[in-house]
N, C-alpha and C. Protein backbone atom coordinates (compact mmCIF):
# COMPACT_ATOMS: atom_id res chain seq x y z
N MET A 1 -17.82 45.09 44.72
CA MET A 1 -16.45 45.40 44.34
C MET A 1 -16.11 44.69 43.04
N ALA A 2 -15.47 45.36 42.14
CA ALA A 2 -15.12 44.77 40.85
C ALA A 2 -14.00 43.76 41.03
N ASN A 3 -13.99 42.77 40.17
CA ASN A 3 -12.93 41.77 40.20
C ASN A 3 -11.63 42.37 39.70
N PRO A 4 -10.50 42.08 40.35
CA PRO A 4 -9.22 42.61 39.87
C PRO A 4 -8.85 41.96 38.54
N VAL A 5 -8.18 42.73 37.71
CA VAL A 5 -7.71 42.22 36.41
C VAL A 5 -6.44 41.43 36.65
N THR A 6 -6.36 40.28 36.02
CA THR A 6 -5.19 39.43 36.16
C THR A 6 -4.53 39.27 34.81
N PHE A 7 -3.23 39.52 34.72
CA PHE A 7 -2.46 39.31 33.52
C PHE A 7 -1.57 38.10 33.75
N ASN A 8 -1.62 37.15 32.88
CA ASN A 8 -0.77 35.98 33.03
C ASN A 8 0.58 36.24 32.38
N VAL A 9 1.61 36.08 33.16
CA VAL A 9 2.98 36.21 32.65
C VAL A 9 3.72 34.94 33.04
N GLY A 10 3.41 33.88 32.34
CA GLY A 10 3.99 32.59 32.68
C GLY A 10 3.28 32.01 33.88
N PRO A 11 3.99 31.29 34.73
CA PRO A 11 3.36 30.64 35.87
C PRO A 11 2.97 31.61 36.98
N ILE A 12 3.46 32.84 36.94
CA ILE A 12 3.16 33.83 37.97
C ILE A 12 2.16 34.81 37.39
N THR A 13 1.15 35.16 38.14
CA THR A 13 0.18 36.14 37.66
C THR A 13 0.58 37.52 38.14
N MET A 14 0.21 38.51 37.37
CA MET A 14 0.52 39.89 37.70
C MET A 14 -0.12 40.26 39.04
N ARG A 15 -1.32 39.73 39.33
CA ARG A 15 -2.01 40.05 40.58
C ARG A 15 -1.19 39.58 41.78
N SER A 16 -0.63 38.38 41.69
CA SER A 16 0.15 37.89 42.83
C SER A 16 1.43 38.69 43.01
N LEU A 17 2.02 39.13 41.92
CA LEU A 17 3.22 39.95 42.04
C LEU A 17 2.91 41.29 42.68
N LEU A 18 1.81 41.90 42.25
CA LEU A 18 1.47 43.21 42.78
C LEU A 18 1.00 43.14 44.22
N SER A 19 0.31 42.09 44.56
CA SER A 19 -0.20 42.03 45.93
C SER A 19 0.89 41.66 46.94
N ARG A 20 1.87 40.86 46.55
CA ARG A 20 2.90 40.39 47.50
C ARG A 20 4.19 41.20 47.44
N ASN A 21 4.61 41.50 46.27
CA ASN A 21 5.95 42.09 46.12
C ASN A 21 5.94 43.30 45.20
N SER A 22 4.98 44.17 45.34
CA SER A 22 4.86 45.27 44.39
C SER A 22 6.10 46.16 44.36
N LEU A 23 6.68 46.42 45.50
CA LEU A 23 7.88 47.26 45.53
C LEU A 23 9.06 46.56 44.87
N ALA A 24 9.24 45.28 45.16
CA ALA A 24 10.34 44.53 44.55
C ALA A 24 10.13 44.40 43.05
N PHE A 25 8.89 44.19 42.64
CA PHE A 25 8.58 44.07 41.22
C PHE A 25 8.86 45.39 40.49
N ALA A 26 8.42 46.51 41.08
CA ALA A 26 8.66 47.81 40.47
C ALA A 26 10.16 48.11 40.38
N ALA A 27 10.89 47.76 41.43
CA ALA A 27 12.34 47.98 41.41
C ALA A 27 13.01 47.13 40.34
N ALA A 28 12.57 45.89 40.20
CA ALA A 28 13.16 45.01 39.19
C ALA A 28 12.88 45.53 37.79
N CYS A 29 11.66 46.02 37.56
CA CYS A 29 11.33 46.59 36.25
C CYS A 29 12.17 47.83 35.96
N GLY A 30 12.31 48.69 36.96
CA GLY A 30 13.13 49.89 36.77
C GLY A 30 14.58 49.55 36.49
N PHE A 31 15.10 48.57 37.21
CA PHE A 31 16.48 48.14 36.98
C PHE A 31 16.65 47.58 35.57
N ALA A 32 15.69 46.77 35.12
CA ALA A 32 15.77 46.17 33.79
C ALA A 32 15.73 47.24 32.71
N LEU A 33 14.86 48.23 32.87
CA LEU A 33 14.79 49.31 31.88
C LEU A 33 16.06 50.15 31.87
N THR A 34 16.61 50.42 33.03
CA THR A 34 17.85 51.18 33.11
C THR A 34 19.00 50.41 32.49
N ALA A 35 19.08 49.13 32.76
CA ALA A 35 20.16 48.31 32.20
C ALA A 35 20.09 48.27 30.69
N CYS A 36 18.90 48.26 30.13
CA CYS A 36 18.75 48.24 28.67
C CYS A 36 19.24 49.54 28.05
N SER A 37 19.08 50.67 28.75
CA SER A 37 19.46 51.94 28.17
C SER A 37 20.94 52.27 28.38
N LEU A 38 21.63 51.54 29.25
CA LEU A 38 23.03 51.84 29.53
C LEU A 38 23.96 51.46 28.38
N GLY A 39 23.55 50.54 27.55
CA GLY A 39 24.43 50.04 26.51
C GLY A 39 24.36 50.80 25.20
N GLY A 40 23.96 52.06 25.24
CA GLY A 40 23.83 52.85 24.02
C GLY A 40 25.18 53.18 23.42
N PRO A 41 25.16 53.67 22.19
CA PRO A 41 26.41 54.02 21.53
C PRO A 41 27.08 55.22 22.22
N SER A 42 28.39 55.26 22.14
CA SER A 42 29.12 56.38 22.74
C SER A 42 28.99 57.61 21.84
N GLU A 43 29.34 58.74 22.39
CA GLU A 43 29.27 60.01 21.65
C GLU A 43 30.11 59.94 20.37
N ASP A 44 31.20 59.18 20.40
CA ASP A 44 32.07 59.06 19.23
C ASP A 44 31.47 58.19 18.13
N GLU A 45 30.42 57.43 18.43
CA GLU A 45 29.82 56.54 17.44
C GLU A 45 28.54 57.11 16.84
N VAL A 46 28.06 58.24 17.37
CA VAL A 46 26.81 58.86 16.92
C VAL A 46 27.12 59.96 15.92
N PHE A 47 26.27 60.08 14.89
CA PHE A 47 26.37 61.18 13.93
C PHE A 47 25.01 61.82 13.78
N THR A 48 25.00 63.13 13.57
CA THR A 48 23.76 63.89 13.43
C THR A 48 23.78 64.66 12.12
N LEU A 49 22.65 64.61 11.42
CA LEU A 49 22.48 65.31 10.15
C LEU A 49 21.78 66.64 10.41
N TYR A 50 22.36 67.72 9.90
CA TYR A 50 21.82 69.07 10.04
C TYR A 50 21.61 69.67 8.65
N ARG A 51 20.85 70.76 8.65
CA ARG A 51 20.75 71.60 7.45
C ARG A 51 20.63 73.04 7.89
N ASN A 52 20.94 73.93 6.96
CA ASN A 52 20.69 75.34 7.25
C ASN A 52 19.37 75.72 6.58
N SER A 53 19.07 76.97 6.58
CA SER A 53 17.86 77.46 5.93
C SER A 53 18.24 78.12 4.62
N ALA A 54 17.39 77.98 3.65
CA ALA A 54 17.66 78.63 2.36
C ALA A 54 17.71 80.14 2.51
N THR A 55 17.07 80.66 3.55
CA THR A 55 17.06 82.12 3.76
C THR A 55 18.03 82.58 4.85
N ASP A 56 18.55 81.63 5.64
CA ASP A 56 19.49 81.99 6.71
C ASP A 56 20.55 80.89 6.82
N GLU A 57 21.72 81.15 6.25
CA GLU A 57 22.78 80.14 6.22
C GLU A 57 23.36 79.83 7.59
N SER A 58 23.12 80.68 8.58
CA SER A 58 23.68 80.44 9.90
C SER A 58 22.81 79.52 10.76
N MET A 59 21.63 79.17 10.31
CA MET A 59 20.74 78.29 11.08
C MET A 59 21.27 76.87 11.08
N ARG A 60 21.07 76.17 12.21
CA ARG A 60 21.40 74.74 12.34
C ARG A 60 20.10 74.02 12.67
N ILE A 61 19.56 73.32 11.71
CA ILE A 61 18.29 72.62 11.90
C ILE A 61 18.56 71.12 11.95
N HIS A 62 18.12 70.49 13.02
CA HIS A 62 18.32 69.04 13.21
C HIS A 62 17.42 68.28 12.25
N ILE A 63 18.00 67.36 11.50
CA ILE A 63 17.24 66.52 10.58
C ILE A 63 17.12 65.11 11.14
N ALA A 64 18.22 64.49 11.51
CA ALA A 64 18.20 63.10 12.00
C ALA A 64 19.45 62.81 12.81
N SER A 65 19.32 61.84 13.71
CA SER A 65 20.47 61.33 14.46
C SER A 65 20.68 59.88 14.08
N PHE A 66 21.91 59.50 13.88
CA PHE A 66 22.27 58.13 13.50
C PHE A 66 23.03 57.54 14.68
N ASP A 67 22.32 56.75 15.47
CA ASP A 67 22.87 56.23 16.72
C ASP A 67 22.60 54.74 16.88
N ALA A 68 22.73 54.01 15.79
CA ALA A 68 22.55 52.56 15.86
C ALA A 68 23.65 51.96 16.73
N HIS A 69 23.38 50.84 17.33
CA HIS A 69 24.36 50.16 18.18
C HIS A 69 25.37 49.44 17.29
N GLU A 70 26.07 50.21 16.51
CA GLU A 70 27.08 49.70 15.57
C GLU A 70 28.34 50.53 15.73
N LYS A 71 29.33 50.23 14.93
CA LYS A 71 30.58 50.99 14.96
C LYS A 71 30.38 52.38 14.34
N GLU A 72 31.34 53.25 14.59
CA GLU A 72 31.30 54.62 14.08
C GLU A 72 31.09 54.66 12.57
N GLU A 73 31.78 53.80 11.83
CA GLU A 73 31.71 53.82 10.37
C GLU A 73 30.29 53.61 9.86
N TYR A 74 29.53 52.77 10.55
CA TYR A 74 28.15 52.46 10.14
C TYR A 74 27.28 53.71 10.25
N ASN A 75 27.30 54.38 11.40
CA ASN A 75 26.49 55.57 11.60
C ASN A 75 26.96 56.73 10.72
N ARG A 76 28.27 56.89 10.59
CA ARG A 76 28.79 57.95 9.72
C ARG A 76 28.37 57.70 8.27
N GLY A 77 28.49 56.45 7.82
CA GLY A 77 28.12 56.12 6.45
C GLY A 77 26.65 56.37 6.17
N ASN A 78 25.78 56.02 7.11
CA ASN A 78 24.36 56.27 6.92
C ASN A 78 24.05 57.76 6.92
N CYS A 79 24.71 58.51 7.78
CA CYS A 79 24.51 59.96 7.81
C CYS A 79 24.95 60.58 6.49
N GLU A 80 26.11 60.20 6.02
CA GLU A 80 26.63 60.76 4.76
C GLU A 80 25.76 60.37 3.57
N GLN A 81 25.23 59.16 3.59
CA GLN A 81 24.34 58.75 2.50
C GLN A 81 23.05 59.57 2.51
N ALA A 82 22.48 59.78 3.70
CA ALA A 82 21.28 60.60 3.81
C ALA A 82 21.58 62.04 3.39
N GLN A 83 22.73 62.54 3.81
CA GLN A 83 23.13 63.90 3.45
C GLN A 83 23.18 64.06 1.93
N ALA A 84 23.78 63.10 1.25
CA ALA A 84 23.90 63.17 -0.21
C ALA A 84 22.52 63.08 -0.87
N LEU A 85 21.66 62.21 -0.35
CA LEU A 85 20.31 62.08 -0.94
C LEU A 85 19.52 63.38 -0.79
N PHE A 86 19.58 64.00 0.39
CA PHE A 86 18.89 65.27 0.58
C PHE A 86 19.50 66.37 -0.29
N GLN A 87 20.83 66.46 -0.27
CA GLN A 87 21.52 67.55 -0.95
C GLN A 87 21.33 67.50 -2.46
N ASN A 88 21.23 66.31 -3.02
CA ASN A 88 21.18 66.15 -4.48
C ASN A 88 19.78 66.16 -5.06
N GLN A 89 18.79 66.51 -4.26
CA GLN A 89 17.44 66.64 -4.80
C GLN A 89 17.37 67.91 -5.64
N PRO A 90 16.66 67.85 -6.76
CA PRO A 90 16.55 69.04 -7.62
C PRO A 90 15.92 70.21 -6.87
N GLY A 91 16.50 71.37 -7.02
CA GLY A 91 15.96 72.59 -6.45
C GLY A 91 16.31 72.85 -4.99
N VAL A 92 17.06 71.99 -4.37
CA VAL A 92 17.42 72.18 -2.96
C VAL A 92 18.48 73.26 -2.85
N LYS A 93 18.19 74.27 -2.03
CA LYS A 93 19.14 75.36 -1.85
C LYS A 93 19.82 75.31 -0.47
N ALA A 94 19.22 74.59 0.45
CA ALA A 94 19.80 74.47 1.78
C ALA A 94 21.03 73.56 1.72
N LYS A 95 21.94 73.76 2.68
CA LYS A 95 23.13 72.91 2.77
C LYS A 95 22.88 71.88 3.87
N PHE A 96 23.24 70.62 3.60
CA PHE A 96 23.12 69.53 4.55
C PHE A 96 24.52 69.07 4.94
N TRP A 97 24.71 68.72 6.22
CA TRP A 97 26.01 68.22 6.66
C TRP A 97 25.85 67.30 7.87
N CYS A 98 26.85 66.48 8.08
CA CYS A 98 26.89 65.56 9.22
C CYS A 98 27.93 66.04 10.23
N GLU A 99 27.61 65.86 11.50
CA GLU A 99 28.57 66.14 12.57
C GLU A 99 28.61 64.95 13.52
N LYS A 100 29.79 64.68 14.05
CA LYS A 100 29.95 63.61 15.05
C LYS A 100 29.28 64.04 16.34
N GLY A 101 28.55 63.13 16.97
CA GLY A 101 27.93 63.39 18.27
C GLY A 101 26.43 63.59 18.17
N HIS A 102 25.82 63.68 19.35
CA HIS A 102 24.38 63.92 19.43
C HIS A 102 24.05 65.36 19.04
N PHE A 103 22.78 65.62 18.83
CA PHE A 103 22.30 66.94 18.44
C PHE A 103 22.77 68.01 19.42
N ARG A 104 23.27 69.10 18.86
CA ARG A 104 23.67 70.29 19.62
C ARG A 104 23.10 71.51 18.91
N LYS A 105 22.61 72.44 19.67
CA LYS A 105 22.08 73.68 19.08
C LYS A 105 23.19 74.56 18.60
């Protein structure tokens, strides 16, 4: 039988955690990951950059989402700056714009 792999995580080894409390350990990891994702920016603080197509003005193509854990002004400012940089490139015929909120088709 092969020797089990042991990962040292401080004074407790991964092997001892998995052998004694695997369910509790998995639950704690899941809780920690969920807690980290709960603190995201609200819909009012997120901005999304779109463009249309040079051949079809009605298209909405997602370029980027600005969802830093900052205030609305920060994400809006970054979106508008990116919009201006894209729009002002020589030869660009597509239109770029920012909208409040996450990507929507």
